[in-house]
Every structure is written in C-alpha cells, then in structure tokens.
Amino acid sequence: MGEAPVLVTNNPGKAREVAAILGVPLERLDIDLPEIQALDVAAVARQKAEAAFARAGRPVIVEDTGLYVDALRGLPGALVRWFLATVGPDGICAMIPSGAERGATARTAVAYCDGASVEVLTGETRGVIVPHPAGEGGFGWDAIFRPEGASRTFAQMAQREKDAYSMRRRALEQLRPRLLSSE
C-alpha cells in the first residue's frame, strides 16, 4: 500500500474509536470536505475519499455512518448528521409513529483512497431506536440506538462493549489487513 494513510475526520470521538478498533496508529487530518447529499453511506464515503485525497495528496481513510430507520423507510440514512443538527436525538425518536416497529440498521462505509482507486468497505448492525435518548457516552445518535442482543444503547456502553456490536468495527476489520500488510 506504500505511504501510511491519514484518517480524515473532524470528529475526535470518531478518530479515537477508529484508531482503537484498527489497533494501528493513524494520523488524523481535520479538513472540511464537501459532502454529497445522499442516503447511501457508501456513495458519500467514496466521494469524500476522492475529495480528501485531492486535498491531502496522500492515501486517506474516510468514514461515513448512517442510521436507517425502518418506520421512516430508511431515513435519515446518511443524512443523520443533518437530522441531529435540526431535530436532535429526541426529534428522531419522536418521528417514529406511535405503535410502529422501531427497528433500524446502523451502517458504516469506510473508504480508502490511494489516488489510483477507491475501495469502499461496509459494516452494519441491526437494532432499535429507543423511545427516548439514554446514556451520556459516545457521540451523534449513540443515545438512541440499542443494538440487537444488547440491553443498553451505544451511549450507555463502555467502548469495549460498543465495539462488540459496532458497525464501524465490522467495516474497519475488512480494512485492517491492508493496513497491516503495508507496514
């Protein structure tokens, strides 16, 4: 793979989580990237990786995560960041109609771009949107998502417990062999 990639994110919490999951040191680069408005996290991650490589001039890793709520026909998907900014976690919980199933899929796309190609790897976790936010940990929508098989939201879990369910871990584990083979 050659030169060590940089992780492009403006979210320090996400950067810590990615580095812990990969178990390899990563330099974090905080650059403002254009982000296409799409429901598909893979399309968003691919575009962000290409833009990040153009700005950084070296191999990059970018990540995009979406929350796909069954009762909302897949919304907010990759637009979850904008939903959080406008209605917040409580607002997302309230959007689910009374009596509707609260199932959801958390999906992460990790894109690696070396300038010659872009590889996109995905991971997902099924779960439910809880009626009201619970927990103080994590970031983003962690307080409203409880993965299948768990009794607590991501925000109520210690990092190690969250990693056991993590869609981000599932995507990053596919990338780890590439990173390790370049050392």
N, C-alpha and C. Protein backbone atom coordinates (compact mmCIF):
# COMPACT_ATOMS: atom_id res chain seq x y z
N MET A 1 0.83 -1.18 0.00
CA MET A 1 0.00 0.00 0.00
C MET A 1 0.88 1.25 0.00
N GLY A 2 2.12 1.16 0.42
CA GLY A 2 3.00 2.32 0.36
C GLY A 2 2.88 3.22 1.56
N GLU A 3 2.73 4.52 1.30
CA GLU A 3 2.66 5.54 2.34
C GLU A 3 1.47 5.30 3.28
N ALA A 4 1.71 5.50 4.57
CA ALA A 4 0.65 5.30 5.57
C ALA A 4 -0.49 6.30 5.33
N PRO A 5 -1.72 5.82 5.37
CA PRO A 5 -2.85 6.73 5.14
C PRO A 5 -3.13 7.59 6.36
N VAL A 6 -3.81 8.70 6.12
CA VAL A 6 -4.29 9.55 7.19
C VAL A 6 -5.80 9.35 7.30
N LEU A 7 -6.30 9.48 8.50
CA LEU A 7 -7.73 9.42 8.74
C LEU A 7 -8.27 10.84 8.66
N VAL A 8 -9.20 11.06 7.75
CA VAL A 8 -9.76 12.39 7.57
C VAL A 8 -11.12 12.44 8.27
N THR A 9 -11.17 13.20 9.35
CA THR A 9 -12.40 13.42 10.09
C THR A 9 -12.26 14.65 10.96
N ASN A 10 -13.38 15.34 11.15
CA ASN A 10 -13.35 16.47 12.08
C ASN A 10 -13.93 16.07 13.43
N ASN A 11 -14.21 14.79 13.61
CA ASN A 11 -14.82 14.28 14.84
C ASN A 11 -13.76 13.54 15.66
N PRO A 12 -13.25 14.15 16.74
CA PRO A 12 -12.22 13.49 17.55
C PRO A 12 -12.70 12.17 18.17
N GLY A 13 -13.99 12.09 18.53
CA GLY A 13 -14.53 10.85 19.09
C GLY A 13 -14.46 9.72 18.09
N LYS A 14 -14.80 10.02 16.86
CA LYS A 14 -14.74 9.03 15.80
C LYS A 14 -13.29 8.61 15.55
N ALA A 15 -12.38 9.58 15.58
CA ALA A 15 -10.96 9.29 15.35
C ALA A 15 -10.43 8.34 16.43
N ARG A 16 -10.78 8.59 17.68
CA ARG A 16 -10.34 7.70 18.77
C ARG A 16 -10.90 6.29 18.57
N GLU A 17 -12.17 6.22 18.20
CA GLU A 17 -12.80 4.92 18.01
C GLU A 17 -12.16 4.15 16.86
N VAL A 18 -11.90 4.83 15.75
CA VAL A 18 -11.28 4.17 14.59
C VAL A 18 -9.88 3.67 14.94
N ALA A 19 -9.09 4.50 15.59
CA ALA A 19 -7.72 4.10 15.96
C ALA A 19 -7.75 2.91 16.92
N ALA A 20 -8.67 2.91 17.87
CA ALA A 20 -8.77 1.80 18.83
C ALA A 20 -9.19 0.51 18.13
N ILE A 21 -10.13 0.60 17.22
CA ILE A 21 -10.60 -0.59 16.51
C ILE A 21 -9.51 -1.15 15.61
N LEU A 22 -8.83 -0.28 14.86
CA LEU A 22 -7.79 -0.76 13.94
C LEU A 22 -6.55 -1.24 14.67
N GLY A 23 -6.28 -0.65 15.82
CA GLY A 23 -5.10 -1.05 16.57
C GLY A 23 -3.80 -0.64 15.90
N VAL A 24 -3.89 0.34 15.03
CA VAL A 24 -2.68 0.88 14.39
C VAL A 24 -2.71 2.40 14.54
N PRO A 25 -1.54 3.01 14.69
CA PRO A 25 -1.53 4.47 14.83
C PRO A 25 -1.95 5.12 13.52
N LEU A 26 -2.81 6.11 13.63
CA LEU A 26 -3.28 6.85 12.46
C LEU A 26 -3.17 8.34 12.74
N GLU A 27 -2.63 9.04 11.80
CA GLU A 27 -2.63 10.49 11.88
C GLU A 27 -4.03 10.96 11.49
N ARG A 28 -4.56 11.92 12.25
CA ARG A 28 -5.88 12.48 11.94
C ARG A 28 -5.69 13.81 11.23
N LEU A 29 -6.41 13.98 10.15
CA LEU A 29 -6.38 15.22 9.40
C LEU A 29 -7.79 15.80 9.40
N ASP A 30 -7.92 17.01 9.91
CA ASP A 30 -9.21 17.68 10.02
C ASP A 30 -9.33 18.69 8.88
N ILE A 31 -9.99 18.27 7.79
CA ILE A 31 -10.23 19.18 6.69
C ILE A 31 -11.72 19.15 6.37
N ASP A 32 -12.23 20.30 6.00
CA ASP A 32 -13.64 20.41 5.67
C ASP A 32 -13.84 19.89 4.25
N LEU A 33 -14.62 18.83 4.12
CA LEU A 33 -14.85 18.21 2.82
C LEU A 33 -16.27 18.46 2.35
N PRO A 34 -16.44 18.62 1.05
CA PRO A 34 -17.80 18.68 0.53
C PRO A 34 -18.44 17.30 0.73
N GLU A 35 -19.72 17.29 1.01
CA GLU A 35 -20.40 16.01 1.22
C GLU A 35 -21.67 15.98 0.39
N ILE A 36 -21.73 15.01 -0.53
CA ILE A 36 -22.94 14.90 -1.33
C ILE A 36 -24.11 14.54 -0.41
N GLN A 37 -25.28 14.97 -0.79
CA GLN A 37 -26.47 14.65 -0.02
C GLN A 37 -27.10 13.40 -0.62
N ALA A 38 -26.93 12.29 0.05
CA ALA A 38 -27.43 11.00 -0.42
C ALA A 38 -27.77 10.16 0.79
N LEU A 39 -28.65 9.20 0.61
CA LEU A 39 -28.99 8.28 1.69
C LEU A 39 -27.95 7.18 1.86
N ASP A 40 -27.23 6.86 0.79
CA ASP A 40 -26.29 5.75 0.77
C ASP A 40 -24.92 6.15 1.32
N VAL A 41 -24.55 5.57 2.47
CA VAL A 41 -23.26 5.92 3.09
C VAL A 41 -22.08 5.55 2.20
N ALA A 42 -22.19 4.49 1.40
CA ALA A 42 -21.09 4.09 0.53
C ALA A 42 -20.82 5.16 -0.53
N ALA A 43 -21.88 5.72 -1.10
CA ALA A 43 -21.69 6.78 -2.10
C ALA A 43 -21.07 8.02 -1.47
N VAL A 44 -21.51 8.36 -0.27
CA VAL A 44 -20.96 9.52 0.44
C VAL A 44 -19.49 9.29 0.77
N ALA A 45 -19.16 8.11 1.28
CA ALA A 45 -17.77 7.81 1.66
C ALA A 45 -16.85 7.82 0.44
N ARG A 46 -17.30 7.26 -0.67
CA ARG A 46 -16.49 7.25 -1.89
C ARG A 46 -16.16 8.68 -2.34
N GLN A 47 -17.18 9.52 -2.39
CA GLN A 47 -16.97 10.91 -2.83
C GLN A 47 -16.06 11.65 -1.87
N LYS A 48 -16.27 11.45 -0.56
CA LYS A 48 -15.42 12.12 0.43
C LYS A 48 -13.97 11.65 0.33
N ALA A 49 -13.75 10.37 0.05
CA ALA A 49 -12.39 9.84 -0.07
C ALA A 49 -11.67 10.47 -1.25
N GLU A 50 -12.36 10.59 -2.37
CA GLU A 50 -11.75 11.21 -3.54
C GLU A 50 -11.40 12.68 -3.26
N ALA A 51 -12.31 13.39 -2.62
CA ALA A 51 -12.05 14.79 -2.29
C ALA A 51 -10.93 14.92 -1.26
N ALA A 52 -10.90 14.02 -0.30
CA ALA A 52 -9.86 14.06 0.73
C ALA A 52 -8.49 13.80 0.14
N PHE A 53 -8.40 12.82 -0.77
CA PHE A 53 -7.11 12.55 -1.41
C PHE A 53 -6.64 13.77 -2.20
N ALA A 54 -7.56 14.41 -2.91
CA ALA A 54 -7.21 15.59 -3.69
C ALA A 54 -6.66 16.70 -2.80
N ARG A 55 -7.19 16.82 -1.61
CA ARG A 55 -6.73 17.87 -0.67
C ARG A 55 -5.45 17.46 0.06
N ALA A 56 -5.38 16.19 0.48
CA ALA A 56 -4.25 15.74 1.31
C ALA A 56 -3.03 15.35 0.48
N GLY A 57 -3.26 14.89 -0.74
CA GLY A 57 -2.14 14.49 -1.60
C GLY A 57 -1.45 13.22 -1.15
N ARG A 58 -2.14 12.44 -0.34
CA ARG A 58 -1.59 11.16 0.13
C ARG A 58 -2.74 10.22 0.44
N PRO A 59 -2.48 8.92 0.64
CA PRO A 59 -3.58 7.97 0.91
C PRO A 59 -4.41 8.39 2.12
N VAL A 60 -5.71 8.21 1.99
CA VAL A 60 -6.64 8.64 3.03
C VAL A 60 -7.64 7.54 3.35
N ILE A 61 -8.15 7.63 4.58
CA ILE A 61 -9.27 6.80 5.02
C ILE A 61 -10.35 7.78 5.46
N VAL A 62 -11.55 7.59 4.96
CA VAL A 62 -12.69 8.37 5.43
C VAL A 62 -13.80 7.40 5.80
N GLU A 63 -14.72 7.88 6.60
CA GLU A 63 -15.79 7.03 7.10
C GLU A 63 -17.08 7.83 7.07
N ASP A 64 -18.17 7.16 6.78
CA ASP A 64 -19.47 7.78 6.89
C ASP A 64 -20.42 6.75 7.48
N THR A 65 -21.23 7.17 8.42
CA THR A 65 -22.16 6.27 9.08
C THR A 65 -23.57 6.83 8.97
N GLY A 66 -24.50 5.95 8.70
CA GLY A 66 -25.90 6.35 8.60
C GLY A 66 -26.77 5.50 9.50
N LEU A 67 -27.94 6.02 9.77
CA LEU A 67 -28.92 5.35 10.61
C LEU A 67 -30.20 5.21 9.78
N TYR A 68 -30.55 3.98 9.47
CA TYR A 68 -31.65 3.67 8.57
C TYR A 68 -32.82 3.12 9.39
N VAL A 69 -33.83 3.97 9.62
CA VAL A 69 -34.96 3.61 10.47
C VAL A 69 -36.06 3.00 9.61
N ASP A 70 -36.45 1.77 9.96
CA ASP A 70 -37.44 1.03 9.17
C ASP A 70 -38.75 1.80 9.03
N ALA A 71 -39.27 2.33 10.13
CA ALA A 71 -40.57 3.02 10.12
C ALA A 71 -40.53 4.31 9.31
N LEU A 72 -39.33 4.82 9.05
CA LEU A 72 -39.18 6.04 8.25
C LEU A 72 -38.68 5.73 6.85
N ARG A 73 -38.86 4.46 6.44
CA ARG A 73 -38.47 4.00 5.09
C ARG A 73 -37.00 4.27 4.78
N GLY A 74 -36.17 4.10 5.79
CA GLY A 74 -34.74 4.25 5.58
C GLY A 74 -34.16 5.61 5.94
N LEU A 75 -35.01 6.57 6.22
CA LEU A 75 -34.49 7.86 6.68
C LEU A 75 -34.01 7.72 8.12
N PRO A 76 -33.09 8.49 8.58
CA PRO A 76 -32.38 9.52 7.85
C PRO A 76 -31.21 9.02 7.02
N GLY A 77 -30.83 7.73 7.15
CA GLY A 77 -29.71 7.22 6.36
C GLY A 77 -28.46 8.04 6.59
N ALA A 78 -27.74 8.31 5.50
CA ALA A 78 -26.50 9.08 5.59
C ALA A 78 -26.76 10.55 5.92
N LEU A 79 -28.04 10.96 5.93
CA LEU A 79 -28.38 12.34 6.27
C LEU A 79 -28.55 12.52 7.78
N VAL A 80 -28.21 11.52 8.57
CA VAL A 80 -28.45 11.57 10.01
C VAL A 80 -27.77 12.77 10.67
N ARG A 81 -26.63 13.16 10.18
CA ARG A 81 -25.92 14.34 10.74
C ARG A 81 -26.82 15.58 10.69
N TRP A 82 -27.52 15.76 9.58
CA TRP A 82 -28.38 16.92 9.40
C TRP A 82 -29.64 16.80 10.26
N PHE A 83 -30.16 15.58 10.42
CA PHE A 83 -31.30 15.38 11.30
C PHE A 83 -30.91 15.71 12.73
N LEU A 84 -29.72 15.28 13.15
CA LEU A 84 -29.26 15.57 14.51
C LEU A 84 -29.11 17.07 14.72
N ALA A 85 -28.60 17.76 13.70
CA ALA A 85 -28.39 19.21 13.81
C ALA A 85 -29.71 19.98 13.88
N THR A 86 -30.76 19.44 13.27
CA THR A 86 -32.02 20.18 13.22
C THR A 86 -33.02 19.75 14.28
N VAL A 87 -33.20 18.44 14.48
CA VAL A 87 -34.21 17.98 15.44
C VAL A 87 -33.60 17.27 16.65
N GLY A 88 -32.33 16.92 16.57
CA GLY A 88 -31.66 16.25 17.67
C GLY A 88 -32.10 14.81 17.86
N PRO A 89 -31.44 14.10 18.76
CA PRO A 89 -31.79 12.71 19.02
C PRO A 89 -33.25 12.52 19.44
N ASP A 90 -33.75 13.43 20.31
CA ASP A 90 -35.15 13.35 20.74
C ASP A 90 -36.10 13.44 19.55
N GLY A 91 -35.78 14.33 18.63
CA GLY A 91 -36.61 14.53 17.45
C GLY A 91 -36.67 13.30 16.56
N ILE A 92 -35.55 12.61 16.42
CA ILE A 92 -35.55 11.38 15.63
C ILE A 92 -36.43 10.34 16.30
N CYS A 93 -36.31 10.19 17.62
CA CYS A 93 -37.16 9.25 18.35
C CYS A 93 -38.64 9.59 18.14
N ALA A 94 -38.97 10.87 18.19
CA ALA A 94 -40.36 11.32 18.08
C ALA A 94 -40.92 11.15 16.67
N MET A 95 -40.07 11.05 15.67
CA MET A 95 -40.55 10.89 14.29
C MET A 95 -41.17 9.52 14.04
N ILE A 96 -40.81 8.56 14.84
CA ILE A 96 -41.35 7.22 14.64
C ILE A 96 -42.80 7.21 15.11
N PRO A 97 -43.73 6.85 14.22
CA PRO A 97 -45.15 6.88 14.59
C PRO A 97 -45.47 5.97 15.77
N SER A 98 -46.38 6.40 16.59
CA SER A 98 -46.82 5.61 17.75
C SER A 98 -47.27 4.23 17.29
N GLY A 99 -46.78 3.20 17.94
CA GLY A 99 -47.15 1.83 17.62
C GLY A 99 -46.34 1.21 16.50
N ALA A 100 -45.52 1.99 15.80
CA ALA A 100 -44.71 1.45 14.70
C ALA A 100 -43.53 0.65 15.26
N GLU A 101 -43.07 -0.29 14.47
CA GLU A 101 -41.85 -1.01 14.82
C GLU A 101 -40.71 0.00 14.87
N ARG A 102 -39.78 -0.21 15.78
CA ARG A 102 -38.69 0.75 15.98
C ARG A 102 -37.36 0.22 15.45
N GLY A 103 -37.42 -0.79 14.58
CA GLY A 103 -36.21 -1.38 14.03
C GLY A 103 -35.39 -0.39 13.22
N ALA A 104 -34.09 -0.59 13.23
CA ALA A 104 -33.18 0.27 12.48
C ALA A 104 -31.90 -0.48 12.17
N THR A 105 -31.21 0.00 11.16
CA THR A 105 -29.89 -0.53 10.81
C THR A 105 -28.89 0.62 10.86
N ALA A 106 -27.83 0.40 11.59
CA ALA A 106 -26.71 1.35 11.60
C ALA A 106 -25.70 0.81 10.59
N ARG A 107 -25.33 1.65 9.63
CA ARG A 107 -24.43 1.20 8.56
C ARG A 107 -23.26 2.16 8.42
N THR A 108 -22.06 1.61 8.37
CA THR A 108 -20.84 2.39 8.18
C THR A 108 -20.18 1.99 6.88
N ALA A 109 -19.71 2.98 6.15
CA ALA A 109 -18.88 2.76 4.97
C ALA A 109 -17.53 3.41 5.24
N VAL A 110 -16.47 2.63 5.07
CA VAL A 110 -15.11 3.12 5.20
C VAL A 110 -14.51 3.10 3.81
N ALA A 111 -13.95 4.22 3.40
CA ALA A 111 -13.34 4.29 2.07
C ALA A 111 -11.85 4.58 2.21
N TYR A 112 -11.07 3.84 1.44
CA TYR A 112 -9.63 4.04 1.37
C TYR A 112 -9.31 4.49 -0.05
N CYS A 113 -8.63 5.61 -0.18
CA CYS A 113 -8.25 6.13 -1.50
C CYS A 113 -6.76 6.38 -1.53
N ASP A 114 -6.09 5.79 -2.54
CA ASP A 114 -4.65 6.00 -2.70
C ASP A 114 -4.34 6.83 -3.93
N GLY A 115 -5.38 7.41 -4.53
CA GLY A 115 -5.19 8.22 -5.73
C GLY A 115 -5.42 7.45 -7.01
N ALA A 116 -5.14 6.16 -6.98
CA ALA A 116 -5.36 5.32 -8.16
C ALA A 116 -6.74 4.67 -8.12
N SER A 117 -7.21 4.36 -6.91
CA SER A 117 -8.51 3.71 -6.78
C SER A 117 -9.11 4.04 -5.41
N VAL A 118 -10.40 3.75 -5.31
CA VAL A 118 -11.11 3.92 -4.05
C VAL A 118 -11.73 2.57 -3.70
N GLU A 119 -11.47 2.10 -2.50
CA GLU A 119 -12.08 0.86 -2.02
C GLU A 119 -13.05 1.23 -0.90
N VAL A 120 -14.29 0.76 -1.01
CA VAL A 120 -15.30 1.05 0.00
C VAL A 120 -15.72 -0.25 0.66
N LEU A 121 -15.65 -0.27 1.99
CA LEU A 121 -15.99 -1.45 2.78
C LEU A 121 -17.11 -1.05 3.74
N THR A 122 -18.10 -1.94 3.90
CA THR A 122 -19.24 -1.59 4.75
C THR A 122 -19.43 -2.61 5.86
N GLY A 123 -20.06 -2.12 6.92
CA GLY A 123 -20.45 -2.97 8.05
C GLY A 123 -21.78 -2.46 8.57
N GLU A 124 -22.59 -3.36 9.09
CA GLU A 124 -23.86 -2.90 9.64
C GLU A 124 -24.24 -3.67 10.89
N THR A 125 -25.10 -3.03 11.67
CA THR A 125 -25.62 -3.59 12.92
C THR A 125 -27.11 -3.31 12.98
N ARG A 126 -27.89 -4.35 13.21
CA ARG A 126 -29.33 -4.18 13.40
C ARG A 126 -29.60 -3.81 14.84
N GLY A 127 -30.68 -3.11 15.07
CA GLY A 127 -31.06 -2.72 16.42
C GLY A 127 -32.39 -2.02 16.40
N VAL A 128 -32.63 -1.25 17.45
CA VAL A 128 -33.87 -0.48 17.57
C VAL A 128 -33.56 0.95 18.01
N ILE A 129 -34.49 1.83 17.66
CA ILE A 129 -34.44 3.19 18.16
C ILE A 129 -35.25 3.20 19.45
N VAL A 130 -34.60 3.58 20.54
CA VAL A 130 -35.29 3.61 21.84
C VAL A 130 -36.26 4.79 21.86
N PRO A 131 -37.28 4.74 22.74
CA PRO A 131 -38.27 5.83 22.77
C PRO A 131 -37.69 7.20 23.13
N HIS A 132 -36.65 7.21 23.98
CA HIS A 132 -36.02 8.46 24.41
C HIS A 132 -34.53 8.23 24.56
N PRO A 133 -33.69 9.24 24.29
CA PRO A 133 -32.25 9.08 24.45
C PRO A 133 -31.89 8.57 25.84
N ALA A 134 -30.88 7.70 25.88
CA ALA A 134 -30.40 7.14 27.14
C ALA A 134 -28.88 6.99 27.09
N GLY A 135 -28.19 7.55 28.07
CA GLY A 135 -26.75 7.42 28.16
C GLY A 135 -26.03 8.71 27.84
N GLU A 136 -24.82 8.82 28.36
CA GLU A 136 -24.02 10.03 28.22
C GLU A 136 -22.79 9.82 27.36
N GLY A 137 -22.45 8.59 27.04
CA GLY A 137 -21.22 8.32 26.30
C GLY A 137 -21.42 8.45 24.80
N GLY A 138 -20.35 8.16 24.08
CA GLY A 138 -20.42 8.14 22.63
C GLY A 138 -20.60 9.52 22.02
N PHE A 139 -21.19 9.54 20.83
CA PHE A 139 -21.40 10.78 20.09
C PHE A 139 -22.53 10.57 19.10
N GLY A 140 -22.97 11.64 18.49
CA GLY A 140 -24.01 11.55 17.47
C GLY A 140 -25.30 10.95 18.01
N TRP A 141 -25.74 9.87 17.42
CA TRP A 141 -27.01 9.24 17.77
C TRP A 141 -26.83 8.02 18.67
N ASP A 142 -25.68 7.87 19.29
CA ASP A 142 -25.42 6.70 20.16
C ASP A 142 -26.47 6.54 21.26
N ALA A 143 -27.05 7.64 21.73
CA ALA A 143 -28.01 7.57 22.84
C ALA A 143 -29.39 7.07 22.43
N ILE A 144 -29.63 6.91 21.11
CA ILE A 144 -30.96 6.45 20.69
C ILE A 144 -30.94 5.09 20.02
N PHE A 145 -29.76 4.49 19.84
CA PHE A 145 -29.66 3.20 19.15
C PHE A 145 -29.23 2.10 20.11
N ARG A 146 -30.06 1.06 20.21
CA ARG A 146 -29.73 -0.12 21.01
C ARG A 146 -29.57 -1.30 20.06
N PRO A 147 -28.36 -1.86 19.96
CA PRO A 147 -28.14 -2.97 19.03
C PRO A 147 -28.87 -4.24 19.47
N GLU A 148 -29.21 -5.07 18.49
CA GLU A 148 -29.84 -6.36 18.79
C GLU A 148 -28.95 -7.15 19.74
N GLY A 149 -29.57 -7.77 20.72
CA GLY A 149 -28.84 -8.57 21.69
C GLY A 149 -28.31 -7.79 22.86
N ALA A 150 -28.49 -6.47 22.84
CA ALA A 150 -27.99 -5.63 23.93
C ALA A 150 -29.17 -5.11 24.75
N SER A 151 -28.88 -4.74 25.98
CA SER A 151 -29.92 -4.18 26.84
C SER A 151 -29.74 -2.67 27.03
N ARG A 152 -28.68 -2.13 26.41
CA ARG A 152 -28.37 -0.71 26.58
C ARG A 152 -28.04 -0.08 25.23
N THR A 153 -28.17 1.25 25.18
CA THR A 153 -27.80 1.97 23.96
C THR A 153 -26.28 2.05 23.86
N PHE A 154 -25.80 2.40 22.67
CA PHE A 154 -24.36 2.61 22.49
C PHE A 154 -23.84 3.63 23.50
N ALA A 155 -24.61 4.67 23.79
CA ALA A 155 -24.17 5.73 24.71
C ALA A 155 -24.08 5.26 26.16
N GLN A 156 -24.71 4.15 26.48
CA GLN A 156 -24.66 3.59 27.83
C GLN A 156 -23.54 2.56 27.99
N MET A 157 -22.87 2.24 26.89
CA MET A 157 -21.85 1.20 26.89
C MET A 157 -20.45 1.77 27.02
N ALA A 158 -19.58 0.99 27.64
CA ALA A 158 -18.16 1.28 27.60
C ALA A 158 -17.69 1.00 26.17
N GLN A 159 -16.58 1.60 25.76
CA GLN A 159 -16.10 1.46 24.38
C GLN A 159 -15.93 0.00 23.98
N ARG A 160 -15.38 -0.81 24.85
CA ARG A 160 -15.15 -2.22 24.51
C ARG A 160 -16.46 -2.94 24.21
N GLU A 161 -17.49 -2.67 25.00
CA GLU A 161 -18.80 -3.28 24.77
C GLU A 161 -19.40 -2.78 23.46
N LYS A 162 -19.30 -1.49 23.21
CA LYS A 162 -19.82 -0.92 21.97
C LYS A 162 -19.13 -1.55 20.76
N ASP A 163 -17.82 -1.72 20.85
CA ASP A 163 -17.06 -2.31 19.75
C ASP A 163 -17.54 -3.71 19.40
N ALA A 164 -18.04 -4.46 20.39
CA ALA A 164 -18.52 -5.81 20.14
C ALA A 164 -19.71 -5.81 19.18
N TYR A 165 -20.48 -4.74 19.17
CA TYR A 165 -21.66 -4.62 18.31
C TYR A 165 -21.43 -3.72 17.09
N SER A 166 -20.36 -3.01 17.07
CA SER A 166 -20.14 -1.87 16.19
C SER A 166 -20.13 -2.18 14.69
N MET A 167 -20.94 -1.45 13.96
CA MET A 167 -20.93 -1.47 12.50
C MET A 167 -19.62 -0.89 11.98
N ARG A 168 -19.07 0.09 12.70
CA ARG A 168 -17.78 0.69 12.34
C ARG A 168 -16.67 -0.36 12.45
N ARG A 169 -16.70 -1.13 13.52
CA ARG A 169 -15.70 -2.20 13.68
C ARG A 169 -15.80 -3.19 12.53
N ARG A 170 -17.01 -3.57 12.16
CA ARG A 170 -17.21 -4.55 11.08
C ARG A 170 -16.63 -4.05 9.76
N ALA A 171 -16.80 -2.78 9.48
CA ALA A 171 -16.23 -2.21 8.26
C ALA A 171 -14.71 -2.10 8.36
N LEU A 172 -14.23 -1.60 9.49
CA LEU A 172 -12.79 -1.40 9.65
C LEU A 172 -11.99 -2.69 9.69
N GLU A 173 -12.59 -3.76 10.22
CA GLU A 173 -11.88 -5.04 10.25
C GLU A 173 -11.55 -5.54 8.84
N GLN A 174 -12.36 -5.14 7.87
CA GLN A 174 -12.07 -5.51 6.48
C GLN A 174 -10.88 -4.73 5.93
N LEU A 175 -10.64 -3.54 6.49
CA LEU A 175 -9.53 -2.69 6.06
C LEU A 175 -8.22 -3.05 6.76
N ARG A 176 -8.31 -3.54 7.99
CA ARG A 176 -7.11 -3.81 8.79
C ARG A 176 -6.04 -4.61 8.06
N PRO A 177 -6.37 -5.73 7.36
CA PRO A 177 -5.31 -6.48 6.68
C PRO A 177 -4.53 -5.65 5.66
N ARG A 178 -5.18 -4.74 4.98
CA ARG A 178 -4.48 -3.87 4.02
C ARG A 178 -3.50 -2.97 4.74
N LEU A 179 -3.92 -2.41 5.87
CA LEU A 179 -3.05 -1.50 6.62
C LEU A 179 -1.85 -2.26 7.18
N LEU A 180 -2.09 -3.44 7.72
CA LEU A 180 -1.01 -4.21 8.32
C LEU A 180 -0.02 -4.72 7.27
N SER A 181 -0.49 -5.01 6.06
CA SER A 181 0.40 -5.53 5.02
C SER A 181 1.34 -4.46 4.49
N SER A 182 1.02 -3.18 4.77
CA SER A 182 1.85 -2.10 4.26
C SER A 182 2.98 -1.73 5.23
N GLU A 183 2.95 -2.32 6.42
CA GLU A 183 3.97 -1.95 7.42
C GLU A 183 5.29 -2.61 7.14
